[in-house]
């Protein structure tokens, strides 16, 4: 298992594509080892977003300590930089309690920020944002995405043409600094956490696609549409809010807006989730700092337990 540079506390991270079983495995490990879970999920930070994020229920969270879940109202914004700062603090606190900090989730930019540090980015500028919004109203966000592709091809390649918030932020950062956002994100600060990361990689891609479709169906049965309806009733929340850009939520919101009938919204939600899994897998295949284990290996639980035991011995907790 490879490690990142750094001289601070250590943590173990379990990552992988959506619907690969990360949460279930982490909870199984928690039954056998003294650990606390730090969520590495960009949507679980929001209160009221429970069903569509597959958030562990309160009973589970009372049994196993979880962190960075339900820490913000959905009107707020969260960032990789803030995650890195929050997780770094929590890793030190959990280790000081004599327990293992276990980071679990699939937000790959958060893993990168924690492992490598992240350069400070400029604060949001309402005046610049207003000018960007005005241009978007005239030309459309796809035109601004094409503009971004000229000044920051790397950022444009990973941002969807309809992702208003991320296009706006990339253009804003360039307007303030004169430098591409992707360039600034590569300039990390010195990390203070040593991260040992393991990725759960499904060997059967078709099975993962089926799991994603079934899981979305189960979320709908549990009340996902009602959950989004309640969120829509919040006066400060809109379809362009960062929280509502999460897969599943934005498609249900569009359905409730009357843009699509339900079969089309559901189809788009499943397709978007599969695309997310594809991007996560692509990222992980190029990540040489993360050890990979087959998600469908019958011995996966034993393999993870051996990694945790090794990690705990290194921390002299066992």
Protein backbone atom coordinates (compact mmCIF):
# COMPACT_ATOMS: atom_id res chain seq x y z
CA UNK A 1 0.00 0.00 0.00
CA UNK A 2 1.56 3.27 -1.05
CA UNK A 3 1.56 6.40 1.04
CA UNK A 4 1.52 10.10 0.38
CA UNK A 5 4.22 12.43 1.50
CA UNK A 6 3.69 14.17 4.80
CA UNK A 7 4.84 14.07 8.38
CA UNK A 8 1.57 14.18 10.33
CA UNK A 9 -1.01 11.70 11.56
CA UNK A 10 -1.93 8.65 9.54
CA UNK A 11 -5.31 7.52 8.27
CA UNK A 12 -6.66 4.71 6.15
CA UNK A 13 -9.01 5.52 3.26
CA UNK A 14 -11.44 3.18 1.51
CA UNK A 15 -12.69 4.52 -1.79
CA UNK A 16 -14.18 3.26 -5.03
CA UNK A 17 -17.02 3.96 -7.43
CA UNK A 18 -20.54 4.60 -6.26
CA UNK A 19 -22.56 1.50 -5.29
CA UNK A 20 -19.49 -0.73 -4.83
CA UNK A 21 -20.20 -1.47 -1.15
CA UNK A 22 -17.79 0.91 0.63
CA UNK A 23 -20.15 1.83 3.46
CA UNK A 24 -21.15 -1.76 4.26
CA UNK A 25 -17.52 -2.89 4.40
CA UNK A 26 -16.54 0.03 6.61
CA UNK A 27 -19.32 -0.80 9.05
CA UNK A 28 -18.24 -4.44 9.10
CA UNK A 29 -14.70 -3.35 9.98
CA UNK A 30 -16.06 -1.12 12.73
CA UNK A 31 -17.54 -4.17 14.44
CA UNK A 32 -14.06 -5.69 14.77
CA UNK A 33 -11.74 -2.72 15.28
CA UNK A 34 -11.62 0.54 17.26
CA UNK A 35 -12.26 3.02 14.49
CA UNK A 36 -14.25 6.14 13.59
CA UNK A 37 -15.46 6.90 10.09
CA UNK A 38 -14.79 10.19 8.31
CA UNK A 39 -17.20 10.55 5.39
CA UNK A 40 -15.54 11.54 2.11
CA UNK A 41 -18.82 12.25 0.31
CA UNK A 42 -19.62 15.68 -1.08
CA UNK A 43 -23.39 15.24 -0.62
CA UNK A 44 -23.59 13.55 2.79
CA UNK A 45 -22.38 16.78 4.39
CA UNK A 46 -25.87 18.24 3.81
CA UNK A 47 -28.76 17.94 6.22
CA UNK A 48 -32.00 16.69 4.71
CA UNK A 49 -30.28 14.77 1.92
CA UNK A 50 -30.57 11.28 3.32
CA UNK A 51 -32.21 8.90 0.85
CA UNK A 52 -30.48 10.03 -2.34
CA UNK A 53 -27.03 9.91 -0.72
CA UNK A 54 -27.53 6.46 0.86
CA UNK A 55 -26.58 8.10 4.14
CA UNK A 56 -26.13 5.75 7.12
CA UNK A 57 -29.16 6.02 9.39
CA UNK A 58 -29.04 7.51 12.87
CA UNK A 59 -29.01 4.11 14.57
CA UNK A 60 -25.90 3.12 12.61
CA UNK A 61 -24.22 6.45 13.32
CA UNK A 62 -24.95 6.11 17.03
CA UNK A 63 -23.32 2.68 17.01
CA UNK A 64 -20.26 3.70 14.97
CA UNK A 65 -18.97 7.29 15.21
CA UNK A 66 -19.29 9.10 11.86
CA UNK A 67 -17.95 12.53 10.96
CA UNK A 68 -18.65 15.11 8.22
CA UNK A 69 -22.26 13.99 7.86
CA UNK A 70 -25.12 16.49 8.35
CA UNK A 71 -22.79 19.40 9.03
CA UNK A 72 -24.34 21.95 6.62
CA UNK A 73 -27.72 23.14 5.40
CA UNK A 74 -28.13 22.39 1.68
CA UNK A 75 -28.05 26.11 0.82
CA UNK A 76 -24.37 26.21 1.81
CA UNK A 77 -21.36 25.27 -0.30
CA UNK A 78 -18.61 22.81 0.63
CA UNK A 79 -15.23 22.44 -1.04
CA UNK A 80 -12.26 20.14 -1.35
CA UNK A 81 -10.19 22.65 0.59
CA UNK A 82 -12.63 22.71 3.46
CA UNK A 83 -12.84 18.92 3.45
CA UNK A 84 -9.05 18.66 3.63
CA UNK A 85 -8.98 21.03 6.61
CA UNK A 86 -11.88 19.30 8.39
CA UNK A 87 -10.57 15.80 7.76
CA UNK A 88 -7.03 16.72 8.83
CA UNK A 89 -8.36 18.02 12.14
CA UNK A 90 -10.51 14.93 12.64
CA UNK A 91 -7.69 12.50 11.84
CA UNK A 92 -5.60 14.04 14.61
CA UNK A 93 -8.50 14.06 17.08
CA UNK A 94 -9.50 10.44 16.40
CA UNK A 95 -5.90 9.22 16.64
CA UNK A 96 -5.52 11.10 19.93
CA UNK A 97 -8.47 9.08 21.26
CA UNK A 98 -6.58 5.89 20.46
CA UNK A 99 -8.79 4.96 17.53
CA UNK A 100 -8.25 4.47 13.81
CA UNK A 101 -9.38 7.29 11.48
CA UNK A 102 -11.07 5.53 8.54
CA UNK A 103 -11.91 7.81 5.62
CA UNK A 104 -14.71 6.36 3.47
CA UNK A 105 -16.23 7.71 0.27
CA UNK A 106 -15.97 8.25 -3.45
CA UNK A 107 -15.32 11.98 -3.91
CA UNK A 108 -11.93 11.66 -5.57
CA UNK A 109 -11.05 15.35 -5.49
CA UNK A 110 -11.44 15.24 -1.71
CA UNK A 111 -9.01 12.31 -1.51
CA UNK A 112 -6.53 14.20 -3.66
CA UNK A 113 -6.86 17.31 -1.49
CA UNK A 114 -6.36 15.37 1.73
CA UNK A 115 -3.41 13.42 0.38
CA UNK A 116 -1.59 16.20 -1.46
CA UNK A 117 -2.85 19.38 0.15
CA UNK A 118 -4.60 22.05 -1.85
CA UNK A 119 -3.56 25.53 -2.86
CA UNK A 120 -5.68 28.32 -1.41
CA UNK A 121 -8.11 29.61 -4.02
CA UNK A 122 -9.51 33.15 -4.14
CA UNK A 123 -12.69 34.00 -2.29
CA UNK A 124 -15.88 34.28 -4.31
CA UNK A 125 -16.37 37.68 -5.94
CA UNK A 126 -20.07 38.64 -6.28
CA UNK A 127 -19.35 41.30 -8.92
CA UNK A 128 -17.45 38.89 -11.18
CA UNK A 129 -20.07 36.21 -10.64
CA UNK A 130 -22.77 38.67 -11.61
CA UNK A 131 -20.99 39.45 -14.88
CA UNK A 132 -20.55 35.75 -15.63
CA UNK A 133 -24.24 35.11 -14.93
CA UNK A 134 -25.24 37.97 -17.20
CA UNK A 135 -23.17 36.55 -20.06
CA UNK A 136 -24.64 33.10 -19.43
CA UNK A 137 -28.15 34.51 -19.58
CA UNK A 138 -27.41 35.91 -23.01
CA UNK A 139 -25.29 33.14 -24.52
CA UNK A 140 -26.10 30.09 -22.37
CA UNK A 141 -23.89 28.00 -20.11
CA UNK A 142 -22.78 25.74 -22.96
CA UNK A 143 -21.23 28.79 -24.65
CA UNK A 144 -19.41 29.67 -21.44
CA UNK A 145 -18.24 26.07 -21.20
CA UNK A 146 -16.75 26.45 -24.69
CA UNK A 147 -15.06 29.65 -23.50
CA UNK A 148 -13.65 27.75 -20.51
CA UNK A 149 -12.28 25.08 -22.85
CA UNK A 150 -10.10 27.75 -24.47
CA UNK A 151 -8.61 29.10 -21.24
CA UNK A 152 -8.59 25.88 -19.19
CA UNK A 153 -9.04 22.76 -21.32
CA UNK A 154 -8.28 20.45 -18.40
CA UNK A 155 -11.04 21.90 -16.22
CA UNK A 156 -13.51 21.98 -19.12
CA UNK A 157 -12.85 18.30 -19.83
CA UNK A 158 -14.03 17.28 -16.37
CA UNK A 159 -16.93 19.77 -16.09
CA UNK A 160 -20.20 19.03 -17.88
CA UNK A 161 -21.45 21.77 -20.23
CA UNK A 162 -24.57 22.21 -18.11
CA UNK A 163 -22.80 22.39 -14.74
CA UNK A 164 -23.46 26.06 -14.06
CA UNK A 165 -21.78 26.23 -10.66
CA UNK A 166 -18.47 24.66 -11.64
CA UNK A 167 -18.23 26.57 -14.94
CA UNK A 168 -18.89 29.78 -13.05
CA UNK A 169 -16.23 29.01 -10.44
CA UNK A 170 -13.57 28.11 -13.02
CA UNK A 171 -14.21 31.29 -14.99
CA UNK A 172 -14.28 33.33 -11.79
CA UNK A 173 -10.93 31.99 -10.59
CA UNK A 174 -9.37 32.71 -13.97
CA UNK A 175 -10.81 36.25 -13.96
CA UNK A 176 -9.39 36.93 -10.47
CA UNK A 177 -5.98 35.27 -10.79
CA UNK A 178 -5.31 35.17 -14.52
CA UNK A 179 -4.43 31.48 -14.09
CA UNK A 180 -6.40 28.31 -14.93
CA UNK A 181 -8.20 26.67 -12.02
CA UNK A 182 -6.72 23.29 -12.95
CA UNK A 183 -3.21 24.74 -12.67
CA UNK A 184 -3.90 26.17 -9.23
CA UNK A 185 -5.39 22.87 -8.06
CA UNK A 186 -2.18 21.05 -8.99
CA UNK A 187 -0.17 23.29 -6.68
CA UNK A 188 -0.77 21.60 -3.35
CA UNK A 189 0.19 22.83 0.07
CA UNK A 190 2.27 20.56 2.29
CA UNK A 191 -0.13 17.86 3.54
CA UNK A 192 -0.18 17.16 7.26
CA UNK A 193 -1.84 13.74 6.96
CA UNK A 194 -0.34 10.54 5.60
CA UNK A 195 -3.10 8.74 3.71
CA UNK A 196 -2.99 5.05 2.91
CA UNK A 197 -5.75 4.44 0.39
CA UNK A 198 -7.49 1.33 -0.90
CA UNK A 199 -9.89 1.32 -3.85
CA UNK A 200 -12.62 -1.29 -4.25
CA UNK A 201 -12.73 -2.01 -7.99
CA UNK A 202 -15.64 -4.02 -9.46
CA UNK A 203 -14.49 -6.62 -11.95
CA UNK A 204 -17.96 -6.96 -13.48
CA UNK A 205 -18.95 -3.57 -14.93
CA UNK A 206 -22.35 -4.83 -16.10
CA UNK A 207 -23.16 -6.00 -12.60
CA UNK A 208 -22.26 -2.56 -11.25
CA UNK A 209 -24.60 -0.94 -13.78
CA UNK A 210 -27.41 -3.22 -12.65
CA UNK A 211 -26.68 -2.48 -8.99
CA UNK A 212 -26.85 1.25 -9.68
CA UNK A 213 -30.24 0.90 -11.37
CA UNK A 214 -31.63 -1.25 -8.56
CA UNK A 215 -30.30 1.08 -5.90
CA UNK A 216 -31.93 4.09 -7.51
CA UNK A 217 -35.22 2.19 -7.67
CA UNK A 218 -34.91 1.39 -3.97
CA UNK A 219 -34.26 5.07 -3.19
CA UNK A 220 -37.44 6.03 -5.03
CA UNK A 221 -39.37 3.40 -3.06
CA UNK A 222 -37.95 4.84 0.17
CA UNK A 223 -39.26 8.30 -0.69
CA UNK A 224 -36.63 10.12 -2.74
CA UNK A 225 -39.20 12.19 -4.65
CA UNK A 226 -40.78 13.39 -1.39
CA UNK A 227 -37.32 14.19 -0.04
CA UNK A 228 -36.56 16.42 -3.03
CA UNK A 229 -40.01 17.99 -2.75
CA UNK A 230 -39.22 18.98 0.85
CA UNK A 231 -35.89 20.43 -0.26
CA UNK A 232 -37.59 22.43 -2.99
CA UNK A 233 -39.75 24.08 -0.34
CA UNK A 234 -36.69 25.70 1.24
CA UNK A 235 -36.72 29.36 0.08
CA UNK A 236 -32.94 29.64 -0.29
CA UNK A 237 -32.48 26.49 -2.33
CA UNK A 238 -32.55 26.36 -6.13
CA UNK A 239 -31.77 23.85 -8.84
CA UNK A 240 -28.38 25.53 -9.29
CA UNK A 241 -27.35 25.18 -5.62
CA UNK A 242 -24.24 23.06 -5.14
CA UNK A 243 -26.11 20.43 -3.14
CA UNK A 244 -28.77 20.01 -5.81
CA UNK A 245 -26.17 19.25 -8.46
CA UNK A 246 -25.75 15.81 -6.87
CA UNK A 247 -26.73 12.94 -9.16
CA UNK A 248 -30.30 11.85 -8.58
CA UNK A 249 -31.31 15.08 -6.92
CA UNK A 250 -30.96 17.25 -10.00
CA UNK A 251 -32.93 14.83 -12.17
CA UNK A 252 -35.77 14.53 -9.63
CA UNK A 253 -35.81 18.32 -9.25
CA UNK A 254 -36.09 18.71 -13.03
CA UNK A 255 -39.00 16.24 -13.03
CA UNK A 256 -40.77 18.24 -10.34
CA UNK A 257 -40.14 21.37 -12.41
CA UNK A 258 -42.00 19.68 -15.26
CA UNK A 259 -38.99 19.37 -17.56
CA UNK A 260 -39.24 15.58 -17.90
CA UNK A 261 -41.84 12.95 -17.19
CA UNK A 262 -40.88 10.42 -14.54
CA UNK A 263 -39.60 7.61 -16.81
CA UNK A 264 -37.26 10.08 -18.53
CA UNK A 265 -36.09 11.60 -15.23
CA UNK A 266 -35.41 8.15 -13.79
CA UNK A 267 -33.54 7.10 -16.93
CA UNK A 268 -31.39 10.23 -16.74
CA UNK A 269 -30.70 9.73 -13.03
CA UNK A 270 -29.48 6.17 -13.58
CA UNK A 271 -27.41 7.22 -16.60
CA UNK A 272 -25.82 10.09 -14.66
CA UNK A 273 -24.95 7.75 -11.78
CA UNK A 274 -23.36 5.29 -14.19
CA UNK A 275 -21.35 8.13 -15.72
CA UNK A 276 -20.21 9.14 -12.25
CA UNK A 277 -19.04 5.57 -11.59
CA UNK A 278 -17.21 5.56 -14.91
CA UNK A 279 -15.38 8.79 -14.04
CA UNK A 280 -14.47 7.43 -10.60
CA UNK A 281 -13.08 4.23 -12.13
CA UNK A 282 -11.08 6.20 -14.70
CA UNK A 283 -9.61 8.35 -11.94
CA UNK A 284 -8.72 5.35 -9.80
CA UNK A 285 -7.08 3.45 -12.64
CA UNK A 286 -4.65 6.33 -13.06
CA UNK A 287 -4.03 6.74 -9.32
CA UNK A 288 -0.74 5.03 -8.56
CA UNK A 289 -0.89 5.93 -4.87
CA UNK A 290 -3.96 3.80 -4.19
CA UNK A 291 -3.93 0.04 -3.77
CA UNK A 292 -6.76 -1.71 -5.60
CA UNK A 293 -8.75 -4.70 -4.40
CA UNK A 294 -11.49 -6.50 -6.31
CA UNK A 295 -14.84 -5.40 -4.89
CA UNK A 296 -16.39 -8.79 -5.66
CA UNK A 297 -13.55 -10.88 -4.22
CA UNK A 298 -15.04 -13.40 -1.73
CA UNK A 299 -11.99 -12.80 0.48
CA UNK A 300 -12.28 -9.00 0.36
CA UNK A 301 -13.36 -8.74 3.99
CA UNK A 302 -10.32 -10.73 5.16
CA UNK A 303 -7.99 -8.69 2.97
CA UNK A 304 -9.32 -5.43 4.40
CA UNK A 305 -9.05 -6.72 7.94
CA UNK A 306 -5.39 -7.54 7.38
CA UNK A 307 -4.80 -3.99 6.09
CA UNK A 308 -6.54 -2.51 9.12
CA UNK A 309 -4.57 -4.72 11.50
CA UNK A 310 -1.32 -3.66 9.84
CA UNK A 311 -2.35 -0.04 10.05
CA UNK A 312 -3.30 -0.31 13.74
CA UNK A 313 0.02 -1.98 14.56
CA UNK A 314 1.81 0.87 12.84
CA UNK A 315 -0.12 3.25 15.05
CA UNK A 316 0.63 0.98 18.07
CA UNK A 317 -3.12 0.75 18.80
CA UNK A 318 -3.02 -3.07 18.98
